[in-house]
C-alpha atoms as a PDB file:
ATOM      1  CA  MET A   1      96.715 118.961 111.008  1.00  0.00           C
ATOM      2  CA  ALA A   2      97.537 121.550 108.070  1.00  0.00           C
ATOM      3  CA  LEU A   3      98.994 124.473 109.889  1.00  0.00           C
ATOM      4  CA  ASP A   4      98.732 128.059 108.389  1.00  0.00           C
ATOM      5  CA  PRO A   5     102.414 128.894 107.682  1.00  0.00           C
ATOM      6  CA  LYS A   6     101.870 131.772 109.893  1.00  0.00           C
ATOM      7  CA  THR A   7     100.811 129.837 112.853  1.00  0.00           C
ATOM      8  CA  GLU A   8     103.268 129.601 115.756  1.00  0.00           C
ATOM      9  CA  VAL A   9     102.431 126.667 117.678  1.00  0.00           C
ATOM     10  CA  GLU A  10     104.637 125.504 120.873  1.00  0.00           C
ATOM     11  CA  PRO A  11     107.049 122.615 120.217  1.00  0.00           C
ATOM     12  CA  ASP A  12     105.031 120.315 123.231  1.00  0.00           C
ATOM     13  CA  SER A  13     101.270 121.481 122.353  1.00  0.00           C
ATOM     14  CA  TYR A  14     100.512 118.958 119.435  1.00  0.00           C
ATOM     15  CA  THR A  15      99.232 115.418 119.800  1.00  0.00           C
ATOM     16  CA  PRO A  16     101.110 112.827 117.681  1.00  0.00           C
ATOM     17  CA  HIS A  17      99.165 110.965 115.415  1.00  0.00           C
ATOM     18  CA  PRO A  18      98.456 107.171 116.726  1.00  0.00           C
ATOM     19  CA  ASN A  19      99.950 104.831 114.561  1.00  0.00           C
ATOM     20  CA  ASN A  20      97.918 102.136 112.651  1.00  0.00           C
ATOM     21  CA  GLU A  21      94.751 104.461 112.619  1.00  0.00           C
ATOM     22  CA  VAL A  22      93.146 104.080 109.038  1.00  0.00           C
ATOM     23  CA  TRP A  23      90.832 107.107 108.161  1.00  0.00           C
ATOM     24  CA  VAL A  24      88.494 106.290 104.752  1.00  0.00           C
ATOM     25  CA  GLU A  25      86.453 109.672 103.460  1.00  0.00           C
ATOM     26  CA  PHE A  26      84.112 109.419 100.960  1.00  0.00           C
ATOM     27  CA  GLY A  27      84.233 112.428  98.407  1.00  0.00           C
ATOM     28  CA  ALA A  28      82.192 110.249  96.159  1.00  0.00           C
ATOM     29  CA  LEU A  29      80.138 107.513  96.965  1.00  0.00           C
ATOM     30  CA  THR A  30      80.232 104.130  95.540  1.00  0.00           C
ATOM     31  CA  GLU A  31      77.885 101.272  96.294  1.00  0.00           C
ATOM     32  CA  ASN A  32      78.260  98.569  98.422  1.00  0.00           C
ATOM     33  CA  LEU A  33      81.564  99.577 100.133  1.00  0.00           C
ATOM     34  CA  ASP A  34      82.023 100.453 103.593  1.00  0.00           C
ATOM     35  CA  ALA A  35      84.737 102.131 105.888  1.00  0.00           C
ATOM     36  CA  GLN A  36      85.462  98.405 107.456  1.00  0.00           C
ATOM     37  CA  GLN A  37      86.231  97.183 104.588  1.00  0.00           C
ATOM     38  CA  VAL A  38      88.717  99.646 103.162  1.00  0.00           C
ATOM     39  CA  THR A  39      90.018  99.489 106.697  1.00  0.00           C
ATOM     40  CA  ALA A  40      90.712  95.673 106.181  1.00  0.00           C
ATOM     41  CA  TRP A  41      92.474  96.014 102.966  1.00  0.00           C
ATOM     42  CA  VAL A  42      94.931  98.685 104.367  1.00  0.00           C
ATOM     43  CA  GLU A  43      96.110  96.767 107.310  1.00  0.00           C
ATOM     44  CA  ALA A  44      96.337  93.754 105.155  1.00  0.00           C
ATOM     45  CA  ALA A  45      98.523  95.378 102.625  1.00  0.00           C
ATOM     46  CA  ARG A  46     100.554  97.517 105.022  1.00  0.00           C
ATOM     47  CA  ALA A  47     101.471  93.865 107.302  1.00  0.00           C
ATOM     48  CA  SER A  48     103.805  94.715 110.220  1.00  0.00           C
ATOM     49  CA  ARG A  49     104.224  98.432 109.237  1.00  0.00           C
ATOM     50  CA  THR A  50     103.060 101.276 111.409  1.00  0.00           C
ATOM     51  CA  GLY A  51     101.518 104.549 110.544  1.00  0.00           C
ATOM     52  CA  THR A  52      98.324 106.483 109.973  1.00  0.00           C
ATOM     53  CA  VAL A  53      96.652 106.174 106.561  1.00  0.00           C
ATOM     54  CA  CYS A  54      93.800 108.083 105.016  1.00  0.00           C
ATOM     55  CA  VAL A  55      92.204 106.934 101.882  1.00  0.00           C
ATOM     56  CA  ARG A  56      89.931 109.261 100.432  1.00  0.00           C
ATOM     57  CA  PHE A  57      87.591 108.189  97.470  1.00  0.00           C
ATOM     58  CA  VAL A  58      87.280 111.075  95.129  1.00  0.00           C
ATOM     59  CA  GLY A  59      84.904 112.301  91.959  1.00  0.00           C
ATOM     60  CA  GLU A  60      86.342 113.056  88.610  1.00  0.00           C
ATOM     61  CA  GLU A  61      87.131 116.707  89.181  1.00  0.00           C
ATOM     62  CA  GLU A  62      88.639 116.041  92.666  1.00  0.00           C
ATOM     63  CA  GLY A  63      90.912 113.284  90.902  1.00  0.00           C
ATOM     64  CA  ARG A  64      91.978 115.579  87.980  1.00  0.00           C
ATOM     65  CA  SER A  65      92.810 118.560  90.320  1.00  0.00           C
ATOM     66  CA  LEU A  66      94.923 116.192  92.323  1.00  0.00           C
ATOM     67  CA  ASN A  67      96.648 114.479  89.401  1.00  0.00           C
ATOM     68  CA  SER A  68      97.328 117.919  87.522  1.00  0.00           C
ATOM     69  CA  ARG A  69      98.604 119.538  90.713  1.00  0.00           C
ATOM     70  CA  PHE A  70     100.795 116.615  91.380  1.00  0.00           C
ATOM     71  CA  ARG A  71     102.112 114.742  88.662  1.00  0.00           C
ATOM     72  CA  LYS A  72     100.759 117.555  86.093  1.00  0.00           C
ATOM     73  CA  ILE A  73      99.344 115.203  84.092  1.00  0.00           C
ATOM     74  CA  PHE A  74      95.615 116.653  83.611  1.00  0.00           C
ATOM     75  CA  ASP A  75      93.019 114.041  83.307  1.00  0.00           C
ATOM     76  CA  ALA A  76      91.980 112.062  86.177  1.00  0.00           C
ATOM     77  CA  THR A  77      93.799 108.551  87.419  1.00  0.00           C
ATOM     78  CA  ASN A  78      92.677 105.475  89.083  1.00  0.00           C
ATOM     79  CA  VAL A  79      94.911 105.832  92.657  1.00  0.00           C
ATOM     80  CA  LEU A  80      97.342 108.437  93.955  1.00  0.00           C
ATOM     81  CA  ALA A  81      99.436 107.717  96.848  1.00  0.00           C
ATOM     82  CA  PHE A  82     101.151 110.321  98.666  1.00  0.00           C
ATOM     83  CA  PRO A  83     103.936 108.736 101.255  1.00  0.00           C
ATOM     84  CA  ALA A  84     104.010 111.164 104.590  1.00  0.00           C
ATOM     85  CA  HIS A  85     107.735 111.739 105.525  1.00  0.00           C
ATOM     86  CA  GLU A  86     106.356 112.156 109.184  1.00  0.00           C
ATOM     87  CA  LYS A  87     107.140 109.748 112.177  1.00  0.00           C
ATOM     88  CA  GLY A  88     103.726 107.752 112.635  1.00  0.00           C
ATOM     89  CA  ILE A  89     102.097 108.727 109.168  1.00  0.00           C
ATOM     90  CA  LEU A  90     102.557 106.216 106.207  1.00  0.00           C
ATOM     91  CA  GLY A  91     100.618 108.787 103.685  1.00  0.00           C
ATOM     92  CA  ASP A  92      97.059 109.500 102.064  1.00  0.00           C
ATOM     93  CA  ILE A  93      95.276 107.438  98.947  1.00  0.00           C
ATOM     94  CA  ALA A  94      93.177 108.975  96.651  1.00  0.00           C
ATOM     95  CA  ILE A  95      91.278 107.195  94.524  1.00  0.00           C
ATOM     96  CA  CYS A  96      89.208 108.083  91.794  1.00  0.00           C
ATOM     97  CA  ILE A  97      85.517 106.309  92.010  1.00  0.00           C
ATOM     98  CA  PRO A  98      84.357 107.322  88.458  1.00  0.00           C
ATOM     99  CA  THR A  99      87.832 106.182  86.998  1.00  0.00           C
ATOM    100  CA  ALA A 100      88.116 103.023  88.773  1.00  0.00           C
ATOM    101  CA  ALA A 101      84.475 101.992  87.863  1.00  0.00           C
ATOM    102  CA  GLN A 102      84.549 102.660  84.098  1.00  0.00           C
ATOM    103  CA  GLU A 103      88.280 100.483  84.660  1.00  0.00           C
ATOM    104  CA  ALA A 104      86.395  97.783  86.462  1.00  0.00           C
ATOM    105  CA  LEU A 105      83.600  97.692  83.570  1.00  0.00           C
ATOM    106  CA  ASN A 106      86.205  97.167  80.512  1.00  0.00           C
ATOM    107  CA  GLN A 107      88.011  94.622  82.425  1.00  0.00           C
ATOM    108  CA  GLY A 108      84.972  92.693  83.228  1.00  0.00           C
ATOM    109  CA  LYS A 109      85.215  92.429  87.321  1.00  0.00           C
ATOM    110  CA  SER A 110      83.235  94.422  90.031  1.00  0.00           C
ATOM    111  CA  LEU A 111      83.921  97.740  91.119  1.00  0.00           C
ATOM    112  CA  THR A 112      84.802  96.237  94.685  1.00  0.00           C
ATOM    113  CA  SER A 113      87.449  93.838  93.525  1.00  0.00           C
ATOM    114  CA  HIS A 114      88.761  96.449  91.526  1.00  0.00           C
ATOM    115  CA  LEU A 115      89.125  99.220  94.636  1.00  0.00           C
ATOM    116  CA  ALA A 116      90.293  96.524  96.940  1.00  0.00           C
ATOM    117  CA  HIS A 117      93.249  96.361  94.337  1.00  0.00           C
ATOM    118  CA  LEU A 118      93.380  99.670  93.832  1.00  0.00           C
ATOM    119  CA  VAL A 119      93.661 100.372  97.914  1.00  0.00           C
ATOM    120  CA  VAL A 120      95.998  97.894  98.216  1.00  0.00           C
ATOM    121  CA  HIS A 121      98.130  98.918  95.363  1.00  0.00           C
ATOM    122  CA  GLY A 122      98.107 102.670  96.989  1.00  0.00           C
ATOM    123  CA  THR A 123      99.278 101.193 100.560  1.00  0.00           C
ATOM    124  CA  LEU A 124     101.590  99.141  99.130  1.00  0.00           C
ATOM    125  CA  HIS A 125     103.329 102.532  97.656  1.00  0.00           C
ATOM    126  CA  LEU A 126     103.186 104.250 100.827  1.00  0.00           C
ATOM    127  CA  CYS A 127     105.032 101.121 102.490  1.00  0.00           C
ATOM    128  CA  GLY A 128     108.272 101.469  99.740  1.00  0.00           C
ATOM    129  CA  TYR A 129     106.695  99.284  96.926  1.00  0.00           C
ATOM    130  CA  ASP A 130     106.810 100.594  93.541  1.00  0.00           C
ATOM    131  CA  HIS A 131     106.696  99.438  90.302  1.00  0.00           C
ATOM    132  CA  ASN A 132     109.434 101.222  88.172  1.00  0.00           C
ATOM    133  CA  MET A 133     111.657  98.512  87.193  1.00  0.00           C
ATOM    134  CA  VAL A 134     110.092  95.060  86.097  1.00  0.00           C
ATOM    135  CA  GLU A 135     111.751  93.237  89.480  1.00  0.00           C
ATOM    136  CA  GLU A 136     110.041  95.902  91.412  1.00  0.00           C
ATOM    137  CA  ALA A 137     106.758  95.406  89.538  1.00  0.00           C
ATOM    138  CA  GLU A 138     107.195  91.277  89.855  1.00  0.00           C
ATOM    139  CA  LYS A 139     107.429  91.809  94.034  1.00  0.00           C
ATOM    140  CA  MET A 140     104.722  94.324  93.845  1.00  0.00           C
ATOM    141  CA  GLU A 141     102.062  92.440  91.769  1.00  0.00           C
ATOM    142  CA  ALA A 142     102.877  89.410  93.531  1.00  0.00           C
ATOM    143  CA  ARG A 143     102.190  91.377  97.326  1.00  0.00           C
ATOM    144  CA  GLU A 144      99.072  92.507  95.966  1.00  0.00           C
ATOM    145  CA  ALA A 145      97.570  89.131  94.588  1.00  0.00           C
ATOM    146  CA  GLN A 146      98.625  87.811  97.751  1.00  0.00           C
ATOM    147  CA  VAL A 147      96.790  90.336  99.873  1.00  0.00           C
ATOM    148  CA  LEU A 148      93.422  89.913  97.757  1.00  0.00           C
ATOM    149  CA  ARG A 149      93.340  86.351  97.548  1.00  0.00           C
ATOM    150  CA  THR A 150      93.199  86.701 101.310  1.00  0.00           C
ATOM    151  CA  PHE A 151      89.596  88.487 100.692  1.00  0.00           C
ATOM    152  CA  GLY A 152      88.664  86.225  98.108  1.00  0.00           C
ATOM    153  CA  PHE A 153      89.482  88.161  94.938  1.00  0.00           C
ATOM    154  CA  ASP A 154      91.363  87.062  92.156  1.00  0.00           C
ATOM    155  CA  ASP A 155      94.591  88.024  90.869  1.00  0.00           C
ATOM    156  CA  PRO A 156      94.463  91.230  88.943  1.00  0.00           C
ATOM    157  CA  TYR A 157      97.402  90.661  86.839  1.00  0.00           C
ATOM    158  CA  ASN A 158      96.271  87.091  85.721  1.00  0.00           C
ATOM    159  CA  GLN A 159      94.421  87.506  82.448  1.00  0.00           C
ATOM    160  CA  ASN A 160      92.914  83.964  83.147  1.00  0.00           C
ATOM    161  CA  GLY A 161      90.925  85.552  86.257  1.00  0.00           C
END
């Protein structure tokens, strides 16, 4: 719950977020995707990590706005992850449907498999994975491929399928 900075709240008057809850919001619609699928992808990726995760599927305008505001890049990107610094919350993930759909088309894969990859990728960022250095990237990519295989999806980093 975002509070207005002027609002004062008694310390014991709030309800903590339950661990492991997954919220899925469709700010932009996509065919053949439901909240249960998305929740399963998040749960598989976070493994033993606990904390609430919100996944929001956004349109081009919202994706561009988020990327501009938080990364100073004035174009939409496929996935943004916002780790939380609050007990019981892992963070938020925003996935831009039009960008993801174009990438899936360009890569010759289904939109569902690409969205699964982006959800897993974003969730792993919330769990502390990164890909800034080669060794970190290799660990993250291996974990992504492992999780995606459990759902019958191909390794997104294998050029042969």
